[in-house]
Amino acid sequence: MHVPDGLLPAKIYLGGYAIASLSTWYSLRQIHRYSHPEENVPKASLLTAAFFLATLIHLPIPPASVHLVLNGMLGAVLGYYAFPAILIGLFFQAVMFGHGGLTTLGVNASMMGLPALLAGYIFHQRHVFQKSFGEKVATPVFAFLAGAIGLGLSAAVFFSLVITNIPADLDANAEKAAIYGLMVAHIPLMAIEGVFTAMLVAFLQRVKPELLETI
């Protein structure tokens, strides 16, 4: 789920870089407000590596093959650290694997990073419901929602961009059929990433709950 070079008009590339720059500045500004922001750098580095490698894990979900994204998981566990982590991960994916591209780096970072920040906000809402449902129920439920919604929003933006910018020299009907197939394949992927995020958060809550105190 990476927008490649050469697919979109130049104004969208520029808009993507503008949004990504503003989002990076805002995230770093929020991070610097923590009392000890450097303490979360090792965790952010580890999850950036996980995000970087996730693109290599392909899942055969008919009628297509998809790969993990994990932006919702990063948002849930890293909070504001998620956007710069995703930006760095996407840069190395573009340079080393050719996934996405450098001209579309801003678009891809915005497409995956902003839903990650929203996922962090969703996961933070567990504190509101812990009094009613208990920590052991609220934490994994909101982790699932963060993981699933983070991926779902990114997929919705990706397909909107791709389906409205099909090159004129391609068969539009065939391309749309392929895009619709990919859209269907991402519905179960939302559930998979939601379950994965819930399992990871439940594990961290049991063995090292202080790692979830970022947000």
N, C-alpha and C. Protein backbone atom coordinates (compact mmCIF):
# COMPACT_ATOMS: atom_id res chain seq x y z
N MET A 1 0.84 -1.20 0.00
CA MET A 1 0.00 0.00 0.00
C MET A 1 0.88 1.25 0.00
N HIS A 2 1.69 1.35 -1.06
CA HIS A 2 2.55 2.51 -1.21
C HIS A 2 2.25 3.15 -2.56
N VAL A 3 2.06 4.46 -2.59
CA VAL A 3 1.87 5.15 -3.86
C VAL A 3 3.22 5.27 -4.54
N PRO A 4 3.36 4.74 -5.77
CA PRO A 4 4.67 4.79 -6.45
C PRO A 4 4.92 6.14 -7.11
N ASP A 5 6.17 6.33 -7.53
CA ASP A 5 6.53 7.54 -8.29
C ASP A 5 5.77 7.54 -9.62
N GLY A 6 5.45 8.72 -10.11
CA GLY A 6 4.90 8.86 -11.45
C GLY A 6 3.42 8.63 -11.60
N LEU A 7 2.72 8.33 -10.51
CA LEU A 7 1.28 8.04 -10.61
C LEU A 7 0.41 9.27 -10.42
N LEU A 8 0.83 10.17 -9.54
CA LEU A 8 -0.02 11.30 -9.16
C LEU A 8 0.49 12.60 -9.78
N PRO A 9 -0.40 13.60 -9.89
CA PRO A 9 0.05 14.93 -10.36
C PRO A 9 1.04 15.56 -9.37
N ALA A 10 1.88 16.46 -9.90
CA ALA A 10 2.92 17.08 -9.07
C ALA A 10 2.34 17.85 -7.88
N LYS A 11 1.17 18.46 -8.08
CA LYS A 11 0.58 19.25 -6.98
C LYS A 11 0.23 18.38 -5.79
N ILE A 12 -0.11 17.11 -6.02
CA ILE A 12 -0.41 16.20 -4.90
C ILE A 12 0.88 15.81 -4.18
N TYR A 13 1.97 15.62 -4.96
CA TYR A 13 3.26 15.35 -4.31
C TYR A 13 3.64 16.51 -3.39
N LEU A 14 3.49 17.73 -3.90
CA LEU A 14 3.87 18.91 -3.10
C LEU A 14 2.96 19.04 -1.88
N GLY A 15 1.67 18.78 -2.09
CA GLY A 15 0.74 18.83 -0.96
C GLY A 15 1.08 17.78 0.09
N GLY A 16 1.49 16.59 -0.38
CA GLY A 16 1.88 15.53 0.56
C GLY A 16 3.07 15.93 1.40
N TYR A 17 4.08 16.55 0.74
CA TYR A 17 5.27 16.99 1.49
C TYR A 17 4.91 18.10 2.48
N ALA A 18 4.00 18.98 2.08
CA ALA A 18 3.59 20.06 2.98
C ALA A 18 2.90 19.50 4.22
N ILE A 19 1.98 18.55 4.02
CA ILE A 19 1.27 17.94 5.15
C ILE A 19 2.23 17.14 6.03
N ALA A 20 3.13 16.38 5.38
CA ALA A 20 4.08 15.58 6.14
C ALA A 20 5.02 16.47 6.96
N SER A 21 5.46 17.59 6.37
CA SER A 21 6.36 18.50 7.10
C SER A 21 5.65 19.09 8.31
N LEU A 22 4.42 19.53 8.11
CA LEU A 22 3.66 20.11 9.22
C LEU A 22 3.37 19.07 10.30
N SER A 23 3.04 17.86 9.88
CA SER A 23 2.75 16.80 10.85
C SER A 23 4.00 16.39 11.62
N THR A 24 5.15 16.36 10.94
CA THR A 24 6.41 16.02 11.62
C THR A 24 6.75 17.10 12.65
N TRP A 25 6.62 18.35 12.23
CA TRP A 25 6.89 19.45 13.17
C TRP A 25 5.97 19.37 14.39
N TYR A 26 4.69 19.14 14.16
CA TYR A 26 3.73 19.07 15.27
C TYR A 26 4.04 17.89 16.19
N SER A 27 4.37 16.73 15.60
CA SER A 27 4.67 15.55 16.42
C SER A 27 5.92 15.78 17.27
N LEU A 28 6.98 16.34 16.67
CA LEU A 28 8.21 16.59 17.42
C LEU A 28 7.96 17.61 18.53
N ARG A 29 7.12 18.59 18.24
CA ARG A 29 6.80 19.61 19.25
C ARG A 29 6.09 18.96 20.45
N GLN A 30 5.17 18.04 20.18
CA GLN A 30 4.48 17.34 21.26
C GLN A 30 5.44 16.43 22.03
N ILE A 31 6.35 15.77 21.29
CA ILE A 31 7.31 14.87 21.94
C ILE A 31 8.21 15.65 22.90
N HIS A 32 8.64 16.84 22.49
CA HIS A 32 9.54 17.63 23.33
C HIS A 32 8.87 18.13 24.59
N ARG A 33 7.57 18.00 24.68
CA ARG A 33 6.86 18.41 25.89
C ARG A 33 6.92 17.34 26.98
N TYR A 34 7.31 16.10 26.59
CA TYR A 34 7.47 15.06 27.61
C TYR A 34 8.65 15.43 28.51
N SER A 35 8.58 14.98 29.75
CA SER A 35 9.64 15.30 30.70
C SER A 35 10.97 14.65 30.30
N HIS A 36 10.92 13.43 29.78
CA HIS A 36 12.14 12.72 29.35
C HIS A 36 11.88 12.07 27.99
N PRO A 37 11.83 12.86 26.92
CA PRO A 37 11.47 12.31 25.61
C PRO A 37 12.46 11.28 25.09
N GLU A 38 13.73 11.37 25.54
CA GLU A 38 14.74 10.44 25.04
C GLU A 38 14.50 9.01 25.54
N GLU A 39 13.73 8.84 26.60
CA GLU A 39 13.52 7.50 27.15
C GLU A 39 12.72 6.61 26.20
N ASN A 40 11.92 7.21 25.32
CA ASN A 40 11.11 6.42 24.39
C ASN A 40 11.79 6.17 23.06
N VAL A 41 12.99 6.72 22.87
CA VAL A 41 13.68 6.56 21.59
C VAL A 41 13.99 5.09 21.28
N PRO A 42 14.49 4.28 22.25
CA PRO A 42 14.73 2.87 21.92
C PRO A 42 13.46 2.14 21.48
N LYS A 43 12.35 2.38 22.17
CA LYS A 43 11.08 1.74 21.77
C LYS A 43 10.66 2.20 20.38
N ALA A 44 10.78 3.51 20.10
CA ALA A 44 10.42 4.02 18.78
C ALA A 44 11.32 3.43 17.71
N SER A 45 12.60 3.26 18.01
CA SER A 45 13.53 2.69 17.03
C SER A 45 13.17 1.24 16.72
N LEU A 46 12.84 0.49 17.77
CA LEU A 46 12.48 -0.93 17.58
C LEU A 46 11.23 -1.07 16.72
N LEU A 47 10.22 -0.25 16.99
CA LEU A 47 8.98 -0.35 16.22
C LEU A 47 9.12 0.24 14.81
N THR A 48 10.04 1.20 14.64
CA THR A 48 10.34 1.67 13.28
C THR A 48 10.92 0.53 12.45
N ALA A 49 11.79 -0.26 13.06
CA ALA A 49 12.35 -1.42 12.36
C ALA A 49 11.26 -2.43 12.03
N ALA A 50 10.31 -2.63 12.96
CA ALA A 50 9.20 -3.56 12.71
C ALA A 50 8.34 -3.05 11.55
N PHE A 51 8.08 -1.75 11.53
CA PHE A 51 7.31 -1.16 10.43
C PHE A 51 8.05 -1.31 9.11
N PHE A 52 9.35 -1.09 9.13
CA PHE A 52 10.19 -1.20 7.94
C PHE A 52 10.11 -2.62 7.35
N LEU A 53 10.15 -3.63 8.22
CA LEU A 53 10.16 -5.03 7.76
C LEU A 53 8.77 -5.56 7.45
N ALA A 54 7.73 -4.92 8.00
CA ALA A 54 6.37 -5.45 7.83
C ALA A 54 5.97 -5.51 6.36
N THR A 55 6.51 -4.60 5.56
CA THR A 55 6.13 -4.57 4.15
C THR A 55 6.59 -5.82 3.40
N LEU A 56 7.53 -6.57 4.00
CA LEU A 56 8.02 -7.80 3.37
C LEU A 56 7.15 -9.01 3.69
N ILE A 57 6.23 -8.86 4.65
CA ILE A 57 5.38 -9.99 5.06
C ILE A 57 4.08 -9.94 4.27
N HIS A 58 4.00 -10.76 3.24
CA HIS A 58 2.82 -10.77 2.37
C HIS A 58 1.85 -11.86 2.81
N LEU A 59 0.57 -11.52 2.76
CA LEU A 59 -0.49 -12.45 3.14
C LEU A 59 -1.38 -12.69 1.92
N PRO A 60 -1.54 -13.95 1.51
CA PRO A 60 -2.42 -14.24 0.37
C PRO A 60 -3.88 -14.19 0.79
N ILE A 61 -4.53 -13.06 0.58
CA ILE A 61 -5.95 -12.92 0.89
C ILE A 61 -6.70 -12.73 -0.42
N PRO A 62 -7.39 -13.77 -0.91
CA PRO A 62 -8.09 -13.66 -2.19
C PRO A 62 -9.04 -12.46 -2.22
N PRO A 63 -9.10 -11.75 -3.33
CA PRO A 63 -8.52 -12.09 -4.65
C PRO A 63 -7.15 -11.47 -4.88
N ALA A 64 -6.43 -11.10 -3.82
CA ALA A 64 -5.14 -10.44 -4.03
C ALA A 64 -4.17 -10.90 -2.94
N SER A 65 -2.98 -10.33 -2.96
CA SER A 65 -1.99 -10.55 -1.92
C SER A 65 -1.69 -9.19 -1.30
N VAL A 66 -1.71 -9.11 0.02
CA VAL A 66 -1.49 -7.83 0.71
C VAL A 66 -0.33 -8.01 1.69
N HIS A 67 0.16 -6.89 2.20
CA HIS A 67 1.22 -6.97 3.20
C HIS A 67 0.84 -6.17 4.44
N LEU A 68 1.44 -6.53 5.56
CA LEU A 68 1.17 -5.81 6.80
C LEU A 68 1.64 -4.36 6.67
N VAL A 69 0.98 -3.47 7.39
CA VAL A 69 1.36 -2.06 7.43
C VAL A 69 1.76 -1.66 8.85
N LEU A 70 0.91 -1.97 9.82
CA LEU A 70 1.20 -1.76 11.25
C LEU A 70 1.23 -0.29 11.67
N ASN A 71 0.67 0.60 10.85
CA ASN A 71 0.69 2.01 11.27
C ASN A 71 -0.23 2.24 12.47
N GLY A 72 -1.35 1.52 12.55
CA GLY A 72 -2.22 1.66 13.70
C GLY A 72 -1.55 1.18 14.97
N MET A 73 -0.78 0.09 14.86
CA MET A 73 -0.05 -0.42 16.03
C MET A 73 0.98 0.60 16.50
N LEU A 74 1.69 1.22 15.56
CA LEU A 74 2.67 2.24 15.94
C LEU A 74 1.98 3.41 16.64
N GLY A 75 0.83 3.81 16.13
CA GLY A 75 0.12 4.91 16.77
C GLY A 75 -0.31 4.57 18.18
N ALA A 76 -0.78 3.33 18.39
CA ALA A 76 -1.25 2.92 19.71
C ALA A 76 -0.11 2.87 20.72
N VAL A 77 1.04 2.37 20.31
CA VAL A 77 2.14 2.14 21.26
C VAL A 77 3.07 3.36 21.36
N LEU A 78 3.21 4.11 20.25
CA LEU A 78 4.19 5.21 20.24
C LEU A 78 3.58 6.59 20.40
N GLY A 79 2.30 6.74 20.14
CA GLY A 79 1.70 8.07 20.21
C GLY A 79 2.32 9.01 19.19
N TYR A 80 2.79 10.17 19.63
CA TYR A 80 3.33 11.17 18.70
C TYR A 80 4.65 10.73 18.05
N TYR A 81 5.30 9.73 18.61
CA TYR A 81 6.53 9.23 18.00
C TYR A 81 6.21 8.50 16.68
N ALA A 82 4.94 8.13 16.49
CA ALA A 82 4.58 7.28 15.35
C ALA A 82 4.84 7.98 14.01
N PHE A 83 4.50 9.28 13.91
CA PHE A 83 4.65 9.93 12.59
C PHE A 83 6.11 9.98 12.14
N PRO A 84 7.05 10.49 12.95
CA PRO A 84 8.45 10.45 12.47
C PRO A 84 8.95 9.03 12.27
N ALA A 85 8.47 8.07 13.07
CA ALA A 85 8.90 6.68 12.89
C ALA A 85 8.45 6.16 11.53
N ILE A 86 7.21 6.45 11.15
CA ILE A 86 6.69 6.00 9.85
C ILE A 86 7.42 6.71 8.71
N LEU A 87 7.70 7.99 8.87
CA LEU A 87 8.42 8.74 7.83
C LEU A 87 9.79 8.12 7.57
N ILE A 88 10.51 7.79 8.64
CA ILE A 88 11.84 7.18 8.50
C ILE A 88 11.72 5.80 7.87
N GLY A 89 10.76 5.00 8.33
CA GLY A 89 10.57 3.66 7.78
C GLY A 89 10.25 3.69 6.30
N LEU A 90 9.38 4.63 5.89
CA LEU A 90 9.02 4.74 4.47
C LEU A 90 10.21 5.17 3.62
N PHE A 91 11.04 6.05 4.17
CA PHE A 91 12.23 6.49 3.42
C PHE A 91 13.13 5.30 3.09
N PHE A 92 13.39 4.46 4.09
CA PHE A 92 14.27 3.32 3.85
C PHE A 92 13.59 2.26 3.00
N GLN A 93 12.27 2.11 3.11
CA GLN A 93 11.57 1.18 2.22
C GLN A 93 11.69 1.63 0.76
N ALA A 94 11.60 2.94 0.53
CA ALA A 94 11.70 3.46 -0.84
C ALA A 94 13.12 3.29 -1.39
N VAL A 95 14.12 3.59 -0.55
CA VAL A 95 15.52 3.55 -1.01
C VAL A 95 16.01 2.11 -1.19
N MET A 96 15.66 1.23 -0.25
CA MET A 96 16.23 -0.12 -0.25
C MET A 96 15.38 -1.13 -1.03
N PHE A 97 14.05 -0.97 -1.00
CA PHE A 97 13.18 -1.96 -1.65
C PHE A 97 12.43 -1.41 -2.86
N GLY A 98 12.45 -0.09 -3.03
CA GLY A 98 11.68 0.49 -4.11
C GLY A 98 10.19 0.51 -3.85
N HIS A 99 9.79 0.36 -2.58
CA HIS A 99 8.37 0.44 -2.23
C HIS A 99 7.99 1.91 -2.07
N GLY A 100 6.99 2.34 -2.84
CA GLY A 100 6.68 3.77 -2.84
C GLY A 100 7.70 4.50 -3.69
N GLY A 101 8.12 5.66 -3.25
CA GLY A 101 9.11 6.43 -3.99
C GLY A 101 9.48 7.67 -3.21
N LEU A 102 10.52 8.36 -3.68
CA LEU A 102 10.95 9.56 -2.97
C LEU A 102 10.04 10.75 -3.30
N THR A 103 9.52 10.82 -4.53
CA THR A 103 8.60 11.92 -4.84
C THR A 103 7.27 11.76 -4.10
N THR A 104 6.91 10.53 -3.79
CA THR A 104 5.65 10.28 -3.09
C THR A 104 5.85 10.04 -1.60
N LEU A 105 7.06 10.30 -1.10
CA LEU A 105 7.34 10.05 0.32
C LEU A 105 6.40 10.87 1.22
N GLY A 106 6.16 12.13 0.85
CA GLY A 106 5.27 12.95 1.66
C GLY A 106 3.84 12.45 1.64
N VAL A 107 3.38 12.03 0.45
CA VAL A 107 2.02 11.49 0.33
C VAL A 107 1.88 10.22 1.16
N ASN A 108 2.84 9.30 1.02
CA ASN A 108 2.76 8.03 1.76
C ASN A 108 2.88 8.26 3.27
N ALA A 109 3.76 9.19 3.67
CA ALA A 109 3.90 9.46 5.11
C ALA A 109 2.61 10.05 5.69
N SER A 110 1.99 10.95 4.93
CA SER A 110 0.72 11.53 5.39
C SER A 110 -0.38 10.47 5.41
N MET A 111 -0.39 9.64 4.38
CA MET A 111 -1.44 8.62 4.25
C MET A 111 -1.38 7.59 5.39
N MET A 112 -0.19 7.25 5.84
CA MET A 112 -0.06 6.26 6.92
C MET A 112 0.15 6.91 8.28
N GLY A 113 0.80 8.08 8.30
CA GLY A 113 1.14 8.70 9.58
C GLY A 113 -0.03 9.38 10.27
N LEU A 114 -0.87 10.09 9.51
CA LEU A 114 -2.00 10.77 10.14
C LEU A 114 -3.00 9.77 10.74
N PRO A 115 -3.35 8.67 10.04
CA PRO A 115 -4.19 7.67 10.70
C PRO A 115 -3.51 7.06 11.93
N ALA A 116 -2.18 6.99 11.92
CA ALA A 116 -1.47 6.47 13.11
C ALA A 116 -1.67 7.41 14.30
N LEU A 117 -1.62 8.72 14.05
CA LEU A 117 -1.87 9.66 15.15
C LEU A 117 -3.30 9.53 15.65
N LEU A 118 -4.24 9.32 14.73
CA LEU A 118 -5.63 9.11 15.14
C LEU A 118 -5.75 7.81 15.94
N ALA A 119 -5.01 6.78 15.51
CA ALA A 119 -5.03 5.51 16.24
C ALA A 119 -4.52 5.72 17.67
N GLY A 120 -3.50 6.56 17.82
CA GLY A 120 -3.01 6.87 19.16
C GLY A 120 -4.07 7.54 20.01
N TYR A 121 -4.83 8.44 19.40
CA TYR A 121 -5.92 9.11 20.12
C TYR A 121 -6.99 8.09 20.53
N ILE A 122 -7.34 7.20 19.60
CA ILE A 122 -8.35 6.17 19.91
C ILE A 122 -7.89 5.31 21.07
N PHE A 123 -6.63 4.88 21.04
CA PHE A 123 -6.12 4.03 22.12
C PHE A 123 -6.11 4.78 23.45
N HIS A 124 -5.86 6.07 23.38
CA HIS A 124 -5.86 6.88 24.60
C HIS A 124 -7.24 6.92 25.26
N GLN A 125 -8.29 6.75 24.47
CA GLN A 125 -9.66 6.80 25.00
C GLN A 125 -9.96 5.63 25.92
N ARG A 126 -9.05 4.64 25.99
CA ARG A 126 -9.28 3.51 26.90
C ARG A 126 -9.37 3.98 28.34
N HIS A 127 -8.69 5.08 28.62
CA HIS A 127 -8.71 5.58 30.00
C HIS A 127 -10.12 6.00 30.41
N VAL A 128 -10.91 6.47 29.44
CA VAL A 128 -12.27 6.91 29.74
C VAL A 128 -13.15 5.72 30.11
N PHE A 129 -12.90 4.58 29.46
CA PHE A 129 -13.78 3.41 29.63
C PHE A 129 -13.25 2.41 30.65
N GLN A 130 -12.06 2.64 31.16
CA GLN A 130 -11.51 1.68 32.13
C GLN A 130 -12.33 1.62 33.41
N LYS A 131 -12.93 2.74 33.79
CA LYS A 131 -13.71 2.74 35.03
C LYS A 131 -14.96 1.88 34.90
N SER A 132 -15.50 1.81 33.69
CA SER A 132 -16.73 1.04 33.48
C SER A 132 -16.46 -0.42 33.16
N PHE A 133 -15.43 -0.67 32.33
CA PHE A 133 -15.20 -2.04 31.85
C PHE A 133 -13.94 -2.69 32.42
N GLY A 134 -13.13 -1.94 33.11
CA GLY A 134 -11.90 -2.51 33.64
C GLY A 134 -10.75 -2.41 32.65
N GLU A 135 -9.54 -2.34 33.17
CA GLU A 135 -8.37 -2.18 32.31
C GLU A 135 -8.13 -3.37 31.40
N LYS A 136 -8.40 -4.59 31.93
CA LYS A 136 -8.12 -5.80 31.14
C LYS A 136 -9.03 -5.93 29.93
N VAL A 137 -10.18 -5.28 29.95
CA VAL A 137 -11.09 -5.32 28.80
C VAL A 137 -10.87 -4.10 27.91
N ALA A 138 -10.82 -2.91 28.51
CA ALA A 138 -10.75 -1.68 27.72
C ALA A 138 -9.45 -1.59 26.92
N THR A 139 -8.33 -1.99 27.51
CA THR A 139 -7.04 -1.83 26.82
C THR A 139 -6.96 -2.64 25.52
N PRO A 140 -7.24 -3.96 25.54
CA PRO A 140 -7.16 -4.69 24.26
C PRO A 140 -8.24 -4.29 23.26
N VAL A 141 -9.42 -3.93 23.75
CA VAL A 141 -10.49 -3.53 22.82
C VAL A 141 -10.10 -2.26 22.07
N PHE A 142 -9.57 -1.27 22.78
CA PHE A 142 -9.19 -0.03 22.10
C PHE A 142 -7.90 -0.21 21.30
N ALA A 143 -7.06 -1.16 21.70
CA ALA A 143 -5.90 -1.48 20.87
C ALA A 143 -6.34 -2.08 19.54
N PHE A 144 -7.35 -2.97 19.60
CA PHE A 144 -7.88 -3.55 18.36
C PHE A 144 -8.44 -2.46 17.45
N LEU A 145 -9.24 -1.56 18.04
CA LEU A 145 -9.82 -0.48 17.24
C LEU A 145 -8.73 0.40 16.62
N ALA A 146 -7.70 0.69 17.40
CA ALA A 146 -6.60 1.52 16.89
C ALA A 146 -5.91 0.85 15.71
N GLY A 147 -5.59 -0.43 15.86
CA GLY A 147 -4.91 -1.15 14.78
C GLY A 147 -5.76 -1.26 13.53
N ALA A 148 -7.05 -1.59 13.69
CA ALA A 148 -7.93 -1.78 12.54
C ALA A 148 -8.26 -0.45 11.85
N ILE A 149 -8.60 0.57 12.63
CA ILE A 149 -8.98 1.85 12.04
C ILE A 149 -7.78 2.55 11.41
N GLY A 150 -6.61 2.44 12.04
CA GLY A 150 -5.41 3.04 11.46
C GLY A 150 -5.15 2.50 10.06
N LEU A 151 -5.20 1.17 9.91
CA LEU A 151 -4.98 0.56 8.59
C LEU A 151 -6.13 0.90 7.64
N GLY A 152 -7.36 0.88 8.15
CA GLY A 152 -8.52 1.11 7.30
C GLY A 152 -8.53 2.51 6.69
N LEU A 153 -8.19 3.51 7.49
CA LEU A 153 -8.16 4.88 6.97
C LEU A 153 -7.07 5.05 5.92
N SER A 154 -5.91 4.47 6.18
CA SER A 154 -4.82 4.55 5.20
C SER A 154 -5.23 3.90 3.88
N ALA A 155 -5.87 2.74 3.99
CA ALA A 155 -6.31 2.04 2.78
C ALA A 155 -7.35 2.87 2.02
N ALA A 156 -8.25 3.53 2.75
CA ALA A 156 -9.29 4.34 2.10
C ALA A 156 -8.66 5.51 1.33
N VAL A 157 -7.66 6.16 1.93
CA VAL A 157 -6.98 7.27 1.25
C VAL A 157 -6.21 6.75 0.03
N PHE A 158 -5.51 5.63 0.22
CA PHE A 158 -4.73 5.06 -0.89
C PHE A 158 -5.61 4.75 -2.09
N PHE A 159 -6.73 4.05 -1.85
CA PHE A 159 -7.58 3.66 -2.97
C PHE A 159 -8.26 4.88 -3.59
N SER A 160 -8.58 5.88 -2.80
CA SER A 160 -9.16 7.11 -3.35
C SER A 160 -8.18 7.80 -4.29
N LEU A 161 -6.92 7.87 -3.87
CA LEU A 161 -5.90 8.50 -4.71
C LEU A 161 -5.67 7.72 -6.00
N VAL A 162 -5.57 6.39 -5.85
CA VAL A 162 -5.23 5.56 -7.02
C VAL A 162 -6.37 5.52 -8.03
N ILE A 163 -7.59 5.36 -7.54
CA ILE A 163 -8.72 5.17 -8.47
C ILE A 163 -9.09 6.46 -9.19
N THR A 164 -8.70 7.60 -8.62
CA THR A 164 -9.00 8.88 -9.27
C THR A 164 -7.83 9.40 -10.11
N ASN A 165 -6.76 8.63 -10.16
CA ASN A 165 -5.59 9.06 -10.94
C ASN A 165 -5.04 7.92 -11.80
N ILE A 166 -5.94 7.15 -12.41
CA ILE A 166 -5.50 6.07 -13.30
C ILE A 166 -4.94 6.70 -14.58
N PRO A 167 -3.71 6.35 -14.97
CA PRO A 167 -3.12 6.93 -16.19
C PRO A 167 -3.98 6.67 -17.42
N ALA A 168 -4.00 7.64 -18.33
CA ALA A 168 -4.88 7.55 -19.50
C ALA A 168 -4.48 6.42 -20.44
N ASP A 169 -3.21 6.00 -20.41
CA ASP A 169 -2.77 4.95 -21.33
C ASP A 169 -3.08 3.54 -20.84
N LEU A 170 -3.71 3.43 -19.66
CA LEU A 170 -4.07 2.11 -19.14
C LEU A 170 -5.56 1.85 -19.33
N ASP A 171 -5.94 0.57 -19.29
CA ASP A 171 -7.35 0.18 -19.39
C ASP A 171 -8.03 0.52 -18.06
N ALA A 172 -8.86 1.56 -18.06
CA ALA A 172 -9.46 2.03 -16.81
C ALA A 172 -10.32 0.97 -16.14
N ASN A 173 -11.09 0.23 -16.94
CA ASN A 173 -11.97 -0.79 -16.36
C ASN A 173 -11.18 -1.91 -15.70
N ALA A 174 -10.10 -2.35 -16.38
CA ALA A 174 -9.28 -3.41 -15.80
C ALA A 174 -8.58 -2.93 -14.53
N GLU A 175 -8.09 -1.69 -14.56
CA GLU A 175 -7.42 -1.15 -13.38
C GLU A 175 -8.39 -1.02 -12.21
N LYS A 176 -9.60 -0.54 -12.50
CA LYS A 176 -10.59 -0.40 -11.42
C LYS A 176 -10.96 -1.76 -10.83
N ALA A 177 -11.06 -2.78 -11.68
CA ALA A 177 -11.38 -4.13 -11.18
C ALA A 177 -10.29 -4.62 -10.23
N ALA A 178 -9.01 -4.36 -10.61
CA ALA A 178 -7.90 -4.76 -9.75
C ALA A 178 -7.91 -3.99 -8.44
N ILE A 179 -8.23 -2.71 -8.51
CA ILE A 179 -8.26 -1.87 -7.30
C ILE A 179 -9.38 -2.32 -6.37
N TYR A 180 -10.56 -2.64 -6.94
CA TYR A 180 -11.66 -3.12 -6.10
C TYR A 180 -11.28 -4.43 -5.41
N GLY A 181 -10.56 -5.29 -6.14
CA GLY A 181 -10.11 -6.55 -5.53
C GLY A 181 -9.18 -6.30 -4.35
N LEU A 182 -8.27 -5.33 -4.51
CA LEU A 182 -7.36 -4.98 -3.42
C LEU A 182 -8.13 -4.40 -2.23
N MET A 183 -9.15 -3.61 -2.53
CA MET A 183 -9.96 -3.03 -1.45
C MET A 183 -10.61 -4.14 -0.61
N VAL A 184 -11.16 -5.13 -1.29
CA VAL A 184 -11.81 -6.24 -0.58
C VAL A 184 -10.80 -6.99 0.28
N ALA A 185 -9.58 -7.17 -0.26
CA ALA A 185 -8.56 -7.92 0.48
C ALA A 185 -8.11 -7.19 1.73
N HIS A 186 -8.26 -5.86 1.78
CA HIS A 186 -7.82 -5.11 2.96
C HIS A 186 -8.83 -5.14 4.10
N ILE A 187 -10.04 -5.61 3.84
CA ILE A 187 -11.03 -5.69 4.94
C ILE A 187 -10.59 -6.73 5.99
N PRO A 188 -10.27 -7.97 5.58
CA PRO A 188 -9.76 -8.91 6.60
C PRO A 188 -8.41 -8.48 7.16
N LEU A 189 -7.62 -7.73 6.36
CA LEU A 189 -6.33 -7.26 6.88
C LEU A 189 -6.54 -6.28 8.04
N MET A 190 -7.61 -5.51 7.98
CA MET A 190 -7.93 -4.63 9.11
C MET A 190 -8.12 -5.45 10.39
N ALA A 191 -8.86 -6.55 10.27
CA ALA A 191 -9.09 -7.40 11.45
C ALA A 191 -7.78 -8.02 11.93
N ILE A 192 -6.94 -8.45 10.97
CA ILE A 192 -5.66 -9.07 11.35
C ILE A 192 -4.78 -8.07 12.11
N GLU A 193 -4.68 -6.84 11.59
CA GLU A 193 -3.82 -5.85 12.26
C GLU A 193 -4.45 -5.42 13.59
N GLY A 194 -5.78 -5.43 13.66
CA GLY A 194 -6.42 -5.12 14.94
C GLY A 194 -6.12 -6.18 15.98
N VAL A 195 -6.22 -7.44 15.59
CA VAL A 195 -5.92 -8.54 16.52
C VAL A 195 -4.44 -8.51 16.92
N PHE A 196 -3.57 -8.29 15.94
CA PHE A 196 -2.13 -8.25 16.23
C PHE A 196 -1.81 -7.13 17.24
N THR A 197 -2.41 -5.96 17.02
CA THR A 197 -2.17 -4.83 17.93
C THR A 197 -2.71 -5.15 19.32
N ALA A 198 -3.90 -5.75 19.39
CA ALA A 198 -4.47 -6.09 20.70
C ALA A 198 -3.60 -7.11 21.43
N MET A 199 -3.07 -8.10 20.70
CA MET A 199 -2.21 -9.12 21.32
C MET A 199 -0.91 -8.50 21.82
N LEU A 200 -0.31 -7.61 21.00
CA LEU A 200 0.95 -6.97 21.40
C LEU A 200 0.73 -6.11 22.63
N VAL A 201 -0.34 -5.32 22.63
CA VAL A 201 -0.61 -4.44 23.76
C VAL A 201 -0.91 -5.25 25.02
N ALA A 202 -1.67 -6.34 24.87
CA ALA A 202 -1.97 -7.18 26.04
C ALA A 202 -0.69 -7.78 26.61
N PHE A 203 0.22 -8.16 25.72
CA PHE A 203 1.51 -8.71 26.18
C PHE A 203 2.32 -7.64 26.93
N LEU A 204 2.40 -6.44 26.34
CA LEU A 204 3.15 -5.36 27.00
C LEU A 204 2.51 -4.97 28.32
N GLN A 205 1.20 -4.99 28.35
CA GLN A 205 0.49 -4.65 29.60
C GLN A 205 0.82 -5.64 30.71
N ARG A 206 1.06 -6.90 30.32
CA ARG A 206 1.34 -7.93 31.32
C ARG A 206 2.80 -7.92 31.78
N VAL A 207 3.75 -7.71 30.84
CA VAL A 207 5.17 -7.86 31.19
C VAL A 207 5.88 -6.52 31.42
N LYS A 208 5.46 -5.45 30.75
CA LYS A 208 6.14 -4.16 30.90
C LYS A 208 5.15 -3.02 30.64
N PRO A 209 4.22 -2.82 31.55
CA PRO A 209 3.14 -1.84 31.32
C PRO A 209 3.63 -0.41 31.17
N GLU A 210 4.82 -0.11 31.66
CA GLU A 210 5.32 1.26 31.53
C GLU A 210 5.57 1.64 30.07
N LEU A 211 5.71 0.65 29.18
CA LEU A 211 5.90 0.94 27.76
C LEU A 211 4.64 1.50 27.12
N LEU A 212 3.50 1.36 27.79
CA LEU A 212 2.24 1.88 27.26
C LEU A 212 1.90 3.23 27.85
N GLU A 213 2.81 3.79 28.61
CA GLU A 213 2.52 5.05 29.27
C GLU A 213 2.88 6.25 28.40
N THR A 214 3.36 5.99 27.16
CA THR A 214 3.72 7.10 26.27
C THR A 214 2.53 7.99 26.01
N ILE A 215 1.34 7.36 25.83
CA ILE A 215 0.14 8.14 25.54
C ILE A 215 -0.93 7.82 26.56
